[in-house]
C-alpha atoms as a PDB file:
ATOM      1  CA  UNK A   1    -139.772-139.101-166.569  1.00  0.00           C
ATOM      2  CA  UNK A   2    -139.113-136.127-164.238  1.00  0.00           C
ATOM      3  CA  UNK A   3    -137.307-138.312-161.679  1.00  0.00           C
ATOM      4  CA  UNK A   4    -135.856-141.490-163.128  1.00  0.00           C
ATOM      5  CA  UNK A   5    -134.555-142.877-159.852  1.00  0.00           C
ATOM      6  CA  UNK A   6    -137.690-142.381-157.763  1.00  0.00           C
ATOM      7  CA  UNK A   7    -139.841-143.978-160.456  1.00  0.00           C
ATOM      8  CA  UNK A   8    -137.439-146.897-160.852  1.00  0.00           C
ATOM      9  CA  UNK A   9    -137.205-147.447-157.097  1.00  0.00           C
ATOM     10  CA  UNK A  10    -140.989-147.278-156.727  1.00  0.00           C
ATOM     11  CA  UNK A  11    -141.616-149.834-159.487  1.00  0.00           C
ATOM     12  CA  UNK A  12    -138.925-152.055-157.984  1.00  0.00           C
ATOM     13  CA  UNK A  13    -140.605-151.864-154.567  1.00  0.00           C
ATOM     14  CA  UNK A  14    -137.505-150.210-153.073  1.00  0.00           C
ATOM     15  CA  UNK A  15    -138.646-146.600-152.645  1.00  0.00           C
ATOM     16  CA  UNK A  16    -138.652-144.957-149.236  1.00  0.00           C
ATOM     17  CA  UNK A  17    -142.323-143.985-149.362  1.00  0.00           C
ATOM     18  CA  UNK A  18    -142.143-142.034-146.091  1.00  0.00           C
ATOM     19  CA  UNK A  19    -139.674-139.561-147.598  1.00  0.00           C
ATOM     20  CA  UNK A  20    -140.955-139.920-151.159  1.00  0.00           C
ATOM     21  CA  UNK A  21    -137.427-140.328-152.556  1.00  0.00           C
ATOM     22  CA  UNK A  22    -134.370-142.500-152.075  1.00  0.00           C
ATOM     23  CA  UNK A  23    -134.246-146.097-150.938  1.00  0.00           C
ATOM     24  CA  UNK A  24    -136.029-147.787-148.060  1.00  0.00           C
ATOM     25  CA  UNK A  25    -133.816-148.786-145.105  1.00  0.00           C
ATOM     26  CA  UNK A  26    -130.978-146.675-146.475  1.00  0.00           C
ATOM     27  CA  UNK A  27    -127.687-145.979-144.701  1.00  0.00           C
ATOM     28  CA  UNK A  28    -125.599-142.804-144.961  1.00  0.00           C
ATOM     29  CA  UNK A  29    -122.079-143.946-144.102  1.00  0.00           C
ATOM     30  CA  UNK A  30    -120.479-142.317-147.141  1.00  0.00           C
ATOM     31  CA  UNK A  31    -122.209-138.996-146.449  1.00  0.00           C
ATOM     32  CA  UNK A  32    -121.121-139.124-142.808  1.00  0.00           C
ATOM     33  CA  UNK A  33    -117.528-139.825-143.865  1.00  0.00           C
ATOM     34  CA  UNK A  34    -117.555-136.981-146.375  1.00  0.00           C
ATOM     35  CA  UNK A  35    -118.843-134.605-143.685  1.00  0.00           C
ATOM     36  CA  UNK A  36    -116.154-135.756-141.263  1.00  0.00           C
ATOM     37  CA  UNK A  37    -113.573-134.744-143.873  1.00  0.00           C
ATOM     38  CA  UNK A  38    -114.993-131.229-144.003  1.00  0.00           C
ATOM     39  CA  UNK A  39    -116.927-131.386-147.271  1.00  0.00           C
ATOM     40  CA  UNK A  40    -120.491-130.190-147.831  1.00  0.00           C
ATOM     41  CA  UNK A  41    -123.228-132.765-147.186  1.00  0.00           C
ATOM     42  CA  UNK A  42    -126.388-130.874-148.092  1.00  0.00           C
ATOM     43  CA  UNK A  43    -127.145-133.156-151.040  1.00  0.00           C
ATOM     44  CA  UNK A  44    -128.407-136.029-148.938  1.00  0.00           C
ATOM     45  CA  UNK A  45    -127.691-139.212-150.917  1.00  0.00           C
ATOM     46  CA  UNK A  46    -127.695-142.578-149.164  1.00  0.00           C
ATOM     47  CA  UNK A  47    -125.105-145.274-149.778  1.00  0.00           C
ATOM     48  CA  UNK A  48    -127.097-147.458-152.180  1.00  0.00           C
ATOM     49  CA  UNK A  49    -128.602-144.432-153.906  1.00  0.00           C
ATOM     50  CA  UNK A  50    -125.065-143.129-154.415  1.00  0.00           C
ATOM     51  CA  UNK A  51    -124.197-146.437-156.079  1.00  0.00           C
ATOM     52  CA  UNK A  52    -126.872-145.756-158.707  1.00  0.00           C
ATOM     53  CA  UNK A  53    -125.356-142.343-159.404  1.00  0.00           C
ATOM     54  CA  UNK A  54    -121.809-143.688-159.615  1.00  0.00           C
ATOM     55  CA  UNK A  55    -122.752-146.414-162.093  1.00  0.00           C
ATOM     56  CA  UNK A  56    -124.825-144.025-164.216  1.00  0.00           C
ATOM     57  CA  UNK A  57    -122.077-141.397-164.295  1.00  0.00           C
ATOM     58  CA  UNK A  58    -119.460-143.990-165.273  1.00  0.00           C
ATOM     59  CA  UNK A  59    -121.591-145.229-168.181  1.00  0.00           C
ATOM     60  CA  UNK A  60    -122.495-141.719-169.344  1.00  0.00           C
ATOM     61  CA  UNK A  61    -118.802-140.776-169.283  1.00  0.00           C
ATOM     62  CA  UNK A  62    -118.122-143.869-171.387  1.00  0.00           C
ATOM     63  CA  UNK A  63    -120.470-142.472-174.048  1.00  0.00           C
ATOM     64  CA  UNK A  64    -123.644-144.441-173.386  1.00  0.00           C
ATOM     65  CA  UNK A  65    -126.884-142.438-173.789  1.00  0.00           C
ATOM     66  CA  UNK A  66    -129.037-141.772-170.742  1.00  0.00           C
ATOM     67  CA  UNK A  67    -131.956-143.729-172.209  1.00  0.00           C
ATOM     68  CA  UNK A  68    -129.826-146.877-172.542  1.00  0.00           C
ATOM     69  CA  UNK A  69    -128.338-146.500-169.049  1.00  0.00           C
ATOM     70  CA  UNK A  70    -131.821-145.964-167.595  1.00  0.00           C
ATOM     71  CA  UNK A  71    -133.046-149.185-169.231  1.00  0.00           C
ATOM     72  CA  UNK A  72    -130.053-151.108-167.871  1.00  0.00           C
ATOM     73  CA  UNK A  73    -130.562-149.813-164.340  1.00  0.00           C
ATOM     74  CA  UNK A  74    -134.268-150.661-164.473  1.00  0.00           C
ATOM     75  CA  UNK A  75    -133.584-154.219-165.666  1.00  0.00           C
ATOM     76  CA  UNK A  76    -130.984-154.728-162.939  1.00  0.00           C
ATOM     77  CA  UNK A  77    -133.652-153.877-160.361  1.00  0.00           C
ATOM     78  CA  UNK A  78    -136.266-156.186-161.855  1.00  0.00           C
ATOM     79  CA  UNK A  79    -138.408-153.443-163.420  1.00  0.00           C
ATOM     80  CA  UNK A  80    -140.158-154.579-166.594  1.00  0.00           C
ATOM     81  CA  UNK A  81    -141.933-151.272-167.304  1.00  0.00           C
ATOM     82  CA  UNK A  82    -140.486-148.943-169.920  1.00  0.00           C
ATOM     83  CA  UNK A  83    -138.938-145.876-168.242  1.00  0.00           C
ATOM     84  CA  UNK A  84    -137.788-143.131-170.587  1.00  0.00           C
ATOM     85  CA  UNK A  85    -135.920-139.911-169.877  1.00  0.00           C
ATOM     86  CA  UNK A  86    -137.274-136.916-171.768  1.00  0.00           C
ATOM     87  CA  UNK A  87    -133.951-136.518-173.607  1.00  0.00           C
ATOM     88  CA  UNK A  88    -130.470-137.977-173.852  1.00  0.00           C
ATOM     89  CA  UNK A  89    -129.054-134.447-173.857  1.00  0.00           C
ATOM     90  CA  UNK A  90    -128.544-132.594-170.546  1.00  0.00           C
ATOM     91  CA  UNK A  91    -131.224-130.069-169.577  1.00  0.00           C
ATOM     92  CA  UNK A  92    -130.702-128.209-166.304  1.00  0.00           C
ATOM     93  CA  UNK A  93    -133.356-126.260-164.441  1.00  0.00           C
ATOM     94  CA  UNK A  94    -131.959-122.949-163.185  1.00  0.00           C
ATOM     95  CA  UNK A  95    -133.544-120.613-160.647  1.00  0.00           C
ATOM     96  CA  UNK A  96    -132.932-116.853-160.605  1.00  0.00           C
ATOM     97  CA  UNK A  97    -133.152-115.340-157.129  1.00  0.00           C
ATOM     98  CA  UNK A  98    -132.412-111.911-155.732  1.00  0.00           C
ATOM     99  CA  UNK A  99    -132.014-113.120-152.147  1.00  0.00           C
ATOM    100  CA  UNK A 100    -128.692-114.955-152.013  1.00  0.00           C
ATOM    101  CA  UNK A 101    -125.703-112.877-150.833  1.00  0.00           C
ATOM    102  CA  UNK A 102    -122.398-113.557-152.551  1.00  0.00           C
ATOM    103  CA  UNK A 103    -123.873-114.987-155.730  1.00  0.00           C
ATOM    104  CA  UNK A 104    -123.119-112.448-158.432  1.00  0.00           C
ATOM    105  CA  UNK A 105    -125.418-113.739-161.150  1.00  0.00           C
ATOM    106  CA  UNK A 106    -128.277-114.772-158.872  1.00  0.00           C
ATOM    107  CA  UNK A 107    -128.704-118.055-160.791  1.00  0.00           C
ATOM    108  CA  UNK A 108    -128.753-121.350-158.890  1.00  0.00           C
ATOM    109  CA  UNK A 109    -129.073-124.918-160.068  1.00  0.00           C
ATOM    110  CA  UNK A 110    -132.453-126.259-159.004  1.00  0.00           C
ATOM    111  CA  UNK A 111    -131.004-128.642-156.409  1.00  0.00           C
ATOM    112  CA  UNK A 112    -129.098-125.757-154.825  1.00  0.00           C
ATOM    113  CA  UNK A 113    -132.358-123.820-154.554  1.00  0.00           C
ATOM    114  CA  UNK A 114    -134.553-126.749-153.509  1.00  0.00           C
ATOM    115  CA  UNK A 115    -132.265-128.854-151.307  1.00  0.00           C
ATOM    116  CA  UNK A 116    -129.472-126.602-150.048  1.00  0.00           C
ATOM    117  CA  UNK A 117    -131.588-123.467-149.626  1.00  0.00           C
ATOM    118  CA  UNK A 118    -134.781-125.434-148.832  1.00  0.00           C
ATOM    119  CA  UNK A 119    -136.755-123.385-151.416  1.00  0.00           C
ATOM    120  CA  UNK A 120    -136.665-120.436-149.032  1.00  0.00           C
ATOM    121  CA  UNK A 121    -135.430-117.822-151.524  1.00  0.00           C
ATOM    122  CA  UNK A 122    -137.553-115.472-153.609  1.00  0.00           C
ATOM    123  CA  UNK A 123    -137.839-116.730-157.192  1.00  0.00           C
ATOM    124  CA  UNK A 124    -137.452-114.169-159.970  1.00  0.00           C
ATOM    125  CA  UNK A 125    -137.291-116.448-163.005  1.00  0.00           C
ATOM    126  CA  UNK A 126    -136.829-120.056-164.118  1.00  0.00           C
ATOM    127  CA  UNK A 127    -134.796-121.279-167.095  1.00  0.00           C
ATOM    128  CA  UNK A 128    -134.245-124.674-168.707  1.00  0.00           C
ATOM    129  CA  UNK A 129    -130.605-124.545-169.773  1.00  0.00           C
ATOM    130  CA  UNK A 130    -129.914-126.726-172.791  1.00  0.00           C
ATOM    131  CA  UNK A 131    -133.554-127.436-173.606  1.00  0.00           C
ATOM    132  CA  UNK A 132    -133.481-125.581-176.912  1.00  0.00           C
ATOM    133  CA  UNK A 133    -130.709-127.841-178.212  1.00  0.00           C
ATOM    134  CA  UNK A 134    -132.163-131.075-176.835  1.00  0.00           C
ATOM    135  CA  UNK A 135    -134.178-133.685-178.711  1.00  0.00           C
ATOM    136  CA  UNK A 136    -136.626-136.246-177.332  1.00  0.00           C
ATOM    137  CA  UNK A 137    -134.974-139.480-176.244  1.00  0.00           C
ATOM    138  CA  UNK A 138    -135.540-142.512-178.496  1.00  0.00           C
ATOM    139  CA  UNK A 139    -139.041-143.880-177.992  1.00  0.00           C
ATOM    140  CA  UNK A 140    -140.534-140.874-176.198  1.00  0.00           C
ATOM    141  CA  UNK A 141    -142.530-139.430-179.106  1.00  0.00           C
ATOM    142  CA  UNK A 142    -143.662-142.930-180.135  1.00  0.00           C
ATOM    143  CA  UNK A 143    -144.756-143.681-176.560  1.00  0.00           C
ATOM    144  CA  UNK A 144    -146.938-140.562-176.550  1.00  0.00           C
ATOM    145  CA  UNK A 145    -148.346-141.335-179.997  1.00  0.00           C
ATOM    146  CA  UNK A 146    -149.123-144.973-179.198  1.00  0.00           C
ATOM    147  CA  UNK A 147    -150.434-144.498-175.647  1.00  0.00           C
ATOM    148  CA  UNK A 148    -153.939-145.506-174.627  1.00  0.00           C
ATOM    149  CA  UNK A 149    -153.950-142.651-172.098  1.00  0.00           C
ATOM    150  CA  UNK A 150    -151.408-139.925-171.299  1.00  0.00           C
ATOM    151  CA  UNK A 151    -151.408-138.994-167.600  1.00  0.00           C
ATOM    152  CA  UNK A 152    -149.706-135.836-166.342  1.00  0.00           C
ATOM    153  CA  UNK A 153    -149.130-136.559-162.669  1.00  0.00           C
ATOM    154  CA  UNK A 154    -149.602-133.911-159.932  1.00  0.00           C
ATOM    155  CA  UNK A 155    -146.023-132.732-160.146  1.00  0.00           C
ATOM    156  CA  UNK A 156    -144.751-129.176-160.065  1.00  0.00           C
ATOM    157  CA  UNK A 157    -145.803-127.683-163.443  1.00  0.00           C
ATOM    158  CA  UNK A 158    -142.707-125.452-163.574  1.00  0.00           C
ATOM    159  CA  UNK A 159    -139.784-127.601-162.434  1.00  0.00           C
ATOM    160  CA  UNK A 160    -141.048-131.172-162.979  1.00  0.00           C
ATOM    161  CA  UNK A 161    -143.288-130.968-166.045  1.00  0.00           C
ATOM    162  CA  UNK A 162    -141.890-127.686-167.422  1.00  0.00           C
ATOM    163  CA  UNK A 163    -138.463-129.059-168.412  1.00  0.00           C
ATOM    164  CA  UNK A 164    -140.125-131.890-170.328  1.00  0.00           C
ATOM    165  CA  UNK A 165    -142.359-129.498-172.238  1.00  0.00           C
ATOM    166  CA  UNK A 166    -139.313-127.325-173.033  1.00  0.00           C
ATOM    167  CA  UNK A 167    -137.718-130.060-175.160  1.00  0.00           C
ATOM    168  CA  UNK A 168    -138.613-129.277-178.785  1.00  0.00           C
ATOM    169  CA  UNK A 169    -141.086-131.755-180.212  1.00  0.00           C
ATOM    170  CA  UNK A 170    -142.757-132.916-177.014  1.00  0.00           C
ATOM    171  CA  UNK A 171    -145.562-130.355-176.909  1.00  0.00           C
ATOM    172  CA  UNK A 172    -146.207-131.127-180.587  1.00  0.00           C
ATOM    173  CA  UNK A 173    -146.387-134.831-179.719  1.00  0.00           C
ATOM    174  CA  UNK A 174    -148.956-134.113-177.003  1.00  0.00           C
ATOM    175  CA  UNK A 175    -150.973-132.076-179.491  1.00  0.00           C
ATOM    176  CA  UNK A 176    -150.808-134.873-182.073  1.00  0.00           C
ATOM    177  CA  UNK A 177    -151.585-137.931-179.952  1.00  0.00           C
ATOM    178  CA  UNK A 178    -154.987-139.520-180.332  1.00  0.00           C
ATOM    179  CA  UNK A 179    -154.893-140.651-176.727  1.00  0.00           C
ATOM    180  CA  UNK A 180    -156.826-138.671-174.132  1.00  0.00           C
ATOM    181  CA  UNK A 181    -154.464-136.488-172.088  1.00  0.00           C
ATOM    182  CA  UNK A 182    -155.501-136.042-168.467  1.00  0.00           C
ATOM    183  CA  UNK A 183    -153.682-134.230-165.676  1.00  0.00           C
ATOM    184  CA  UNK A 184    -153.981-134.134-161.917  1.00  0.00           C
ATOM    185  CA  UNK A 185    -153.679-130.725-160.272  1.00  0.00           C
ATOM    186  CA  UNK A 186    -150.957-130.331-157.624  1.00  0.00           C
ATOM    187  CA  UNK A 187    -152.820-127.284-156.275  1.00  0.00           C
ATOM    188  CA  UNK A 188    -155.779-127.183-153.885  1.00  0.00           C
ATOM    189  CA  UNK A 189    -157.385-123.780-153.557  1.00  0.00           C
ATOM    190  CA  UNK A 190    -154.556-121.265-153.800  1.00  0.00           C
ATOM    191  CA  UNK A 191    -151.744-123.403-152.387  1.00  0.00           C
ATOM    192  CA  UNK A 192    -149.677-126.376-153.557  1.00  0.00           C
ATOM    193  CA  UNK A 193    -150.215-129.687-151.800  1.00  0.00           C
ATOM    194  CA  UNK A 194    -146.463-129.717-151.125  1.00  0.00           C
ATOM    195  CA  UNK A 195    -143.264-128.030-152.217  1.00  0.00           C
ATOM    196  CA  UNK A 196    -142.504-124.631-153.763  1.00  0.00           C
ATOM    197  CA  UNK A 197    -144.860-124.804-156.758  1.00  0.00           C
ATOM    198  CA  UNK A 198    -146.609-121.597-155.702  1.00  0.00           C
ATOM    199  CA  UNK A 199    -143.494-119.416-155.808  1.00  0.00           C
ATOM    200  CA  UNK A 200    -142.357-121.000-159.056  1.00  0.00           C
ATOM    201  CA  UNK A 201    -145.737-120.569-160.735  1.00  0.00           C
ATOM    202  CA  UNK A 202    -145.849-116.901-159.730  1.00  0.00           C
ATOM    203  CA  UNK A 203    -142.378-116.424-161.221  1.00  0.00           C
ATOM    204  CA  UNK A 204    -143.711-117.803-164.518  1.00  0.00           C
ATOM    205  CA  UNK A 205    -146.738-115.503-164.443  1.00  0.00           C
ATOM    206  CA  UNK A 206    -149.229-118.258-163.623  1.00  0.00           C
ATOM    207  CA  UNK A 207    -151.951-117.950-160.992  1.00  0.00           C
ATOM    208  CA  UNK A 208    -151.428-120.341-158.086  1.00  0.00           C
ATOM    209  CA  UNK A 209    -154.528-122.426-158.631  1.00  0.00           C
ATOM    210  CA  UNK A 210    -155.740-125.366-160.651  1.00  0.00           C
ATOM    211  CA  UNK A 211    -156.630-122.795-163.288  1.00  0.00           C
ATOM    212  CA  UNK A 212    -152.955-121.784-163.436  1.00  0.00           C
ATOM    213  CA  UNK A 213    -152.011-125.439-163.954  1.00  0.00           C
ATOM    214  CA  UNK A 214    -154.534-125.634-166.787  1.00  0.00           C
ATOM    215  CA  UNK A 215    -153.072-122.499-168.373  1.00  0.00           C
ATOM    216  CA  UNK A 216    -149.601-124.089-168.310  1.00  0.00           C
ATOM    217  CA  UNK A 217    -150.955-127.123-170.197  1.00  0.00           C
ATOM    218  CA  UNK A 218    -153.494-125.355-172.374  1.00  0.00           C
ATOM    219  CA  UNK A 219    -153.749-126.521-175.952  1.00  0.00           C
ATOM    220  CA  UNK A 220    -152.991-130.200-175.443  1.00  0.00           C
ATOM    221  CA  UNK A 221    -154.594-131.110-172.097  1.00  0.00           C
ATOM    222  CA  UNK A 222    -158.058-132.653-172.478  1.00  0.00           C
ATOM    223  CA  UNK A 223    -159.109-132.887-168.834  1.00  0.00           C
ATOM    224  CA  UNK A 224    -157.832-131.982-165.379  1.00  0.00           C
ATOM    225  CA  UNK A 225    -158.604-133.718-162.094  1.00  0.00           C
ATOM    226  CA  UNK A 226    -159.202-131.026-159.458  1.00  0.00           C
ATOM    227  CA  UNK A 227    -159.995-131.271-155.777  1.00  0.00           C
ATOM    228  CA  UNK A 228    -163.563-131.134-154.530  1.00  0.00           C
ATOM    229  CA  UNK A 229    -162.748-127.715-153.034  1.00  0.00           C
ATOM    230  CA  UNK A 230    -162.081-126.421-156.561  1.00  0.00           C
ATOM    231  CA  UNK A 231    -165.243-127.752-158.186  1.00  0.00           C
ATOM    232  CA  UNK A 232    -166.367-124.186-158.968  1.00  0.00           C
ATOM    233  CA  UNK A 233    -163.499-123.885-161.497  1.00  0.00           C
ATOM    234  CA  UNK A 234    -165.315-126.175-163.948  1.00  0.00           C
ATOM    235  CA  UNK A 235    -166.676-123.290-166.030  1.00  0.00           C
ATOM    236  CA  UNK A 236    -163.337-121.473-166.250  1.00  0.00           C
ATOM    237  CA  UNK A 237    -161.597-124.704-167.213  1.00  0.00           C
ATOM    238  CA  UNK A 238    -164.225-125.327-169.862  1.00  0.00           C
ATOM    239  CA  UNK A 239    -163.462-121.877-171.308  1.00  0.00           C
ATOM    240  CA  UNK A 240    -159.872-123.092-171.782  1.00  0.00           C
ATOM    241  CA  UNK A 241    -161.125-126.180-173.594  1.00  0.00           C
ATOM    242  CA  UNK A 242    -160.358-128.456-170.643  1.00  0.00           C
ATOM    243  CA  UNK A 243    -162.911-130.700-168.944  1.00  0.00           C
ATOM    244  CA  UNK A 244    -162.805-130.972-165.163  1.00  0.00           C
ATOM    245  CA  UNK A 245    -162.964-134.169-163.118  1.00  0.00           C
ATOM    246  CA  UNK A 246    -163.729-133.486-159.457  1.00  0.00           C
ATOM    247  CA  UNK A 247    -162.329-135.769-156.767  1.00  0.00           C
ATOM    248  CA  UNK A 248    -160.538-135.849-153.442  1.00  0.00           C
ATOM    249  CA  UNK A 249    -156.985-135.535-154.755  1.00  0.00           C
ATOM    250  CA  UNK A 250    -155.097-135.672-151.431  1.00  0.00           C
ATOM    251  CA  UNK A 251    -153.227-138.982-151.311  1.00  0.00           C
ATOM    252  CA  UNK A 252    -152.741-139.511-147.590  1.00  0.00           C
ATOM    253  CA  UNK A 253    -152.412-143.309-147.763  1.00  0.00           C
ATOM    254  CA  UNK A 254    -152.133-146.132-150.274  1.00  0.00           C
ATOM    255  CA  UNK A 255    -155.875-146.681-150.496  1.00  0.00           C
ATOM    256  CA  UNK A 256    -156.382-143.042-151.522  1.00  0.00           C
ATOM    257  CA  UNK A 257    -153.586-143.355-154.069  1.00  0.00           C
ATOM    258  CA  UNK A 258    -155.350-146.322-155.660  1.00  0.00           C
ATOM    259  CA  UNK A 259    -158.707-144.519-155.549  1.00  0.00           C
ATOM    260  CA  UNK A 260    -157.273-141.457-157.299  1.00  0.00           C
ATOM    261  CA  UNK A 261    -155.611-143.617-159.944  1.00  0.00           C
ATOM    262  CA  UNK A 262    -159.014-145.156-160.715  1.00  0.00           C
ATOM    263  CA  UNK A 263    -160.575-141.687-160.945  1.00  0.00           C
ATOM    264  CA  UNK A 264    -157.860-140.634-163.408  1.00  0.00           C
ATOM    265  CA  UNK A 265    -158.333-143.634-165.693  1.00  0.00           C
ATOM    266  CA  UNK A 266    -162.122-143.394-165.555  1.00  0.00           C
ATOM    267  CA  UNK A 267    -161.961-139.651-166.206  1.00  0.00           C
ATOM    268  CA  UNK A 268    -159.677-140.127-169.190  1.00  0.00           C
ATOM    269  CA  UNK A 269    -162.083-142.600-170.755  1.00  0.00           C
ATOM    270  CA  UNK A 270    -165.255-140.626-170.001  1.00  0.00           C
END
């Protein structure tokens, strides 16, 4: 999972769907109090969301693995689905920029780049610190091997999916699974649907297009759902060994979300 909390909150029916993260009907009393005391408040966690972080940090500091803590938090919120982190070892996405005065190395943690700086800085490079020493969390490789379908959601291929692929053994598991592997492009035309995926893809040498997404997943991706405006990419995708599924991929309401989910499952089984 690229975002354990958002997925858990969504499955528990607690997600703030308007923002796409955090909890519905959240309050920010702790953040307001911290700001009143002169501390930084750019990392905008609500009160109940902060409770999740406090409990998780306490259990991790006590020596419990992230996968076990994740399962406990999911059960406490009534989530029966299996939610797995990619690894129990820490992997941190780092962004190299040349734009930030006063930062000698130029490296920022991803949340500093994305939240504090609002993804406004030029991106020179991206690194996944700790990935080389990480191992897949218990159950992750088996889940990929035993899946009926593997779906790569329309997340940022560099900072959401990229860290997962950087953990040794996970690309091999995607190669080895007998399940169809289908992705949904987060790019329409030459621009991301949302967020800084374009700048991050360019920093990794990928074209900002559905074709660039396919290149990032080449070798293990069987098919890619692309927007109707990118239907002409079918031949180029085929040259990469990837079948295209053409649909309206913009999820502007719940009905369109459900419709796209059906397209994905039908496309995987085609």
